[in-house]
Amino acid sequence: MKKTHNHIDPYKIISTCAWCGSKIPKGSEIFSIGAKVTSDIDLHNQGGRVIQVLLMQSRKTVNAIAPADNSQAKKAGNDLIFAICSQQCGGALKLALQEELNLISGQIQ
C-alpha cells in the first residue's frame, strides 16, 4: 500500500464512495470504514487531510481521510477513514484492504 498526497477537497471525499466512486446524494446515509495502517506508513502531521491510497493488489486508488489527533475516530484507533455508499461497497473495500495487508505481511516474513 502506497500513499500519495494531492490537493483534494475533503467535502467531495465525504460525498463520494471510496470504493465505487459514486456520488453519495445529499441527505443520503453515508457509511464509513476505519482502518489502521502498518508501522512502516508514516501519517505524522497528516491529520485532517485527504490521502490517496494505492491498493497494489487490486490496482485501485481509493481516497481516505486521516483523522485529526484529537478526533473521536483517532481516539477509537483509526488511522484512516473511508466514506462508502453502501454495505456492499464496504464489504468489497474491507476485502481489498485485508488482501493488501496479507500482501504486506507476506513481504515482511
Protein backbone atom coordinates (compact mmCIF):
# COMPACT_ATOMS: atom_id res chain seq x y z
CA MET A 1 0.00 0.00 0.00
CA LYS A 2 1.46 3.33 -1.05
CA LYS A 3 0.08 6.72 -0.18
CA THR A 4 0.11 9.81 -2.33
CA HIS A 5 -0.83 13.37 -1.49
CA ASN A 6 -2.90 15.56 -3.76
CA HIS A 7 -4.94 18.65 -3.08
CA ILE A 8 -8.38 17.11 -2.87
CA ASP A 9 -11.47 18.75 -1.43
CA PRO A 10 -12.33 16.85 1.78
CA TYR A 11 -16.02 17.71 1.36
CA LYS A 12 -16.00 15.98 -2.02
CA ILE A 13 -14.39 12.92 -0.41
CA ILE A 14 -17.13 12.68 2.20
CA SER A 15 -19.78 12.67 -0.53
CA THR A 16 -18.03 10.20 -2.86
CA CYS A 17 -17.78 6.45 -2.28
CA ALA A 18 -14.14 5.48 -1.78
CA TRP A 19 -14.73 2.09 -3.42
CA CYS A 20 -17.03 2.61 -6.43
CA GLY A 21 -16.58 6.37 -6.89
CA SER A 22 -20.34 7.05 -6.95
CA LYS A 23 -21.58 10.39 -5.73
CA ILE A 24 -23.48 9.95 -2.46
CA PRO A 25 -26.65 12.02 -2.81
CA LYS A 26 -27.17 14.88 -0.37
CA GLY A 27 -29.29 13.71 2.54
CA SER A 28 -28.42 10.04 1.99
CA GLU A 29 -26.86 7.88 4.64
CA ILE A 30 -23.06 7.80 4.46
CA PHE A 31 -21.27 4.72 5.74
CA SER A 32 -17.63 4.68 6.76
CA ILE A 33 -14.84 2.23 7.43
CA GLY A 34 -12.00 2.94 9.79
CA ALA A 35 -8.59 1.34 9.34
CA LYS A 36 -5.20 1.14 11.00
CA VAL A 37 -2.04 1.37 8.92
CA THR A 38 1.12 -0.67 9.28
CA SER A 39 4.00 0.81 11.23
CA ASP A 40 6.03 1.46 8.06
CA ILE A 41 3.46 4.01 6.82
CA ASP A 42 4.07 7.43 8.34
CA LEU A 43 0.97 9.58 8.73
CA HIS A 44 2.67 12.07 11.05
CA ASN A 45 1.26 15.57 10.53
CA GLN A 46 -1.39 14.26 8.12
CA GLY A 47 -4.36 14.58 10.49
CA GLY A 48 -7.40 16.14 8.84
CA ARG A 49 -6.01 15.65 5.34
CA VAL A 50 -7.21 13.59 2.42
CA ILE A 51 -4.85 10.84 1.34
CA GLN A 52 -5.00 8.72 -1.78
CA VAL A 53 -4.16 5.11 -1.03
CA LEU A 54 -2.95 2.84 -3.81
CA LEU A 55 -4.08 -0.73 -3.21
CA MET A 56 -1.42 -2.66 -5.11
CA GLN A 57 -3.28 -5.99 -5.03
CA SER A 58 -6.49 -4.63 -6.60
CA ARG A 59 -4.69 -1.93 -8.63
CA LYS A 60 -7.08 0.68 -7.39
CA THR A 61 -6.59 4.07 -5.75
CA VAL A 62 -9.04 4.99 -3.02
CA ASN A 63 -9.45 8.21 -1.09
CA ALA A 64 -9.27 8.31 2.69
CA ILE A 65 -9.22 10.92 5.40
CA ALA A 66 -6.51 10.81 8.06
CA PRO A 67 -8.39 11.84 11.21
CA ALA A 68 -7.03 14.63 13.36
CA ASP A 69 -5.22 13.51 16.51
CA ASN A 70 -7.95 14.85 18.80
CA SER A 71 -10.88 13.39 16.80
CA GLN A 72 -13.16 10.60 18.02
CA ALA A 73 -12.09 8.45 15.06
CA LYS A 74 -8.42 8.70 16.02
CA LYS A 75 -9.20 8.08 19.70
CA ALA A 76 -11.07 4.93 18.58
CA GLY A 77 -7.82 3.71 16.97
CA ASN A 78 -8.46 4.61 13.33
CA ASP A 79 -5.59 5.96 11.23
CA LEU A 80 -7.73 6.31 8.10
CA ILE A 81 -11.45 6.76 7.42
CA PHE A 82 -13.07 5.75 4.12
CA ALA A 83 -16.52 7.07 3.12
CA ILE A 84 -18.63 4.48 1.33
CA CYS A 85 -22.09 4.49 -0.23
CA SER A 86 -23.34 1.07 0.85
CA GLN A 87 -22.63 -2.01 2.90
CA GLN A 88 -21.82 -3.81 -0.37
CA CYS A 89 -19.04 -1.33 -1.20
CA GLY A 90 -17.92 -1.50 2.41
CA GLY A 91 -17.54 -5.28 2.18
CA ALA A 92 -15.58 -5.00 -1.06
CA LEU A 93 -13.28 -2.34 0.40
CA LYS A 94 -12.71 -4.35 3.58
CA LEU A 95 -11.77 -7.38 1.48
CA ALA A 96 -9.35 -5.30 -0.63
CA LEU A 97 -7.75 -3.82 2.49
CA GLN A 98 -7.35 -7.29 4.01
CA GLU A 99 -5.76 -8.58 0.77
CA GLU A 100 -3.37 -5.63 0.89
CA LEU A 101 -2.47 -6.40 4.49
CA ASN A 102 -1.90 -10.05 3.58
CA LEU A 103 0.39 -8.96 0.74
CA ILE A 104 2.38 -6.68 3.05
CA SER A 105 2.59 -9.34 5.77
CA GLY A 106 3.87 -11.87 3.24
CA GLN A 107 6.62 -9.48 2.16
CA ILE A 108 7.73 -8.85 5.73
CA GLN A 109 8.01 -12.51 6.73
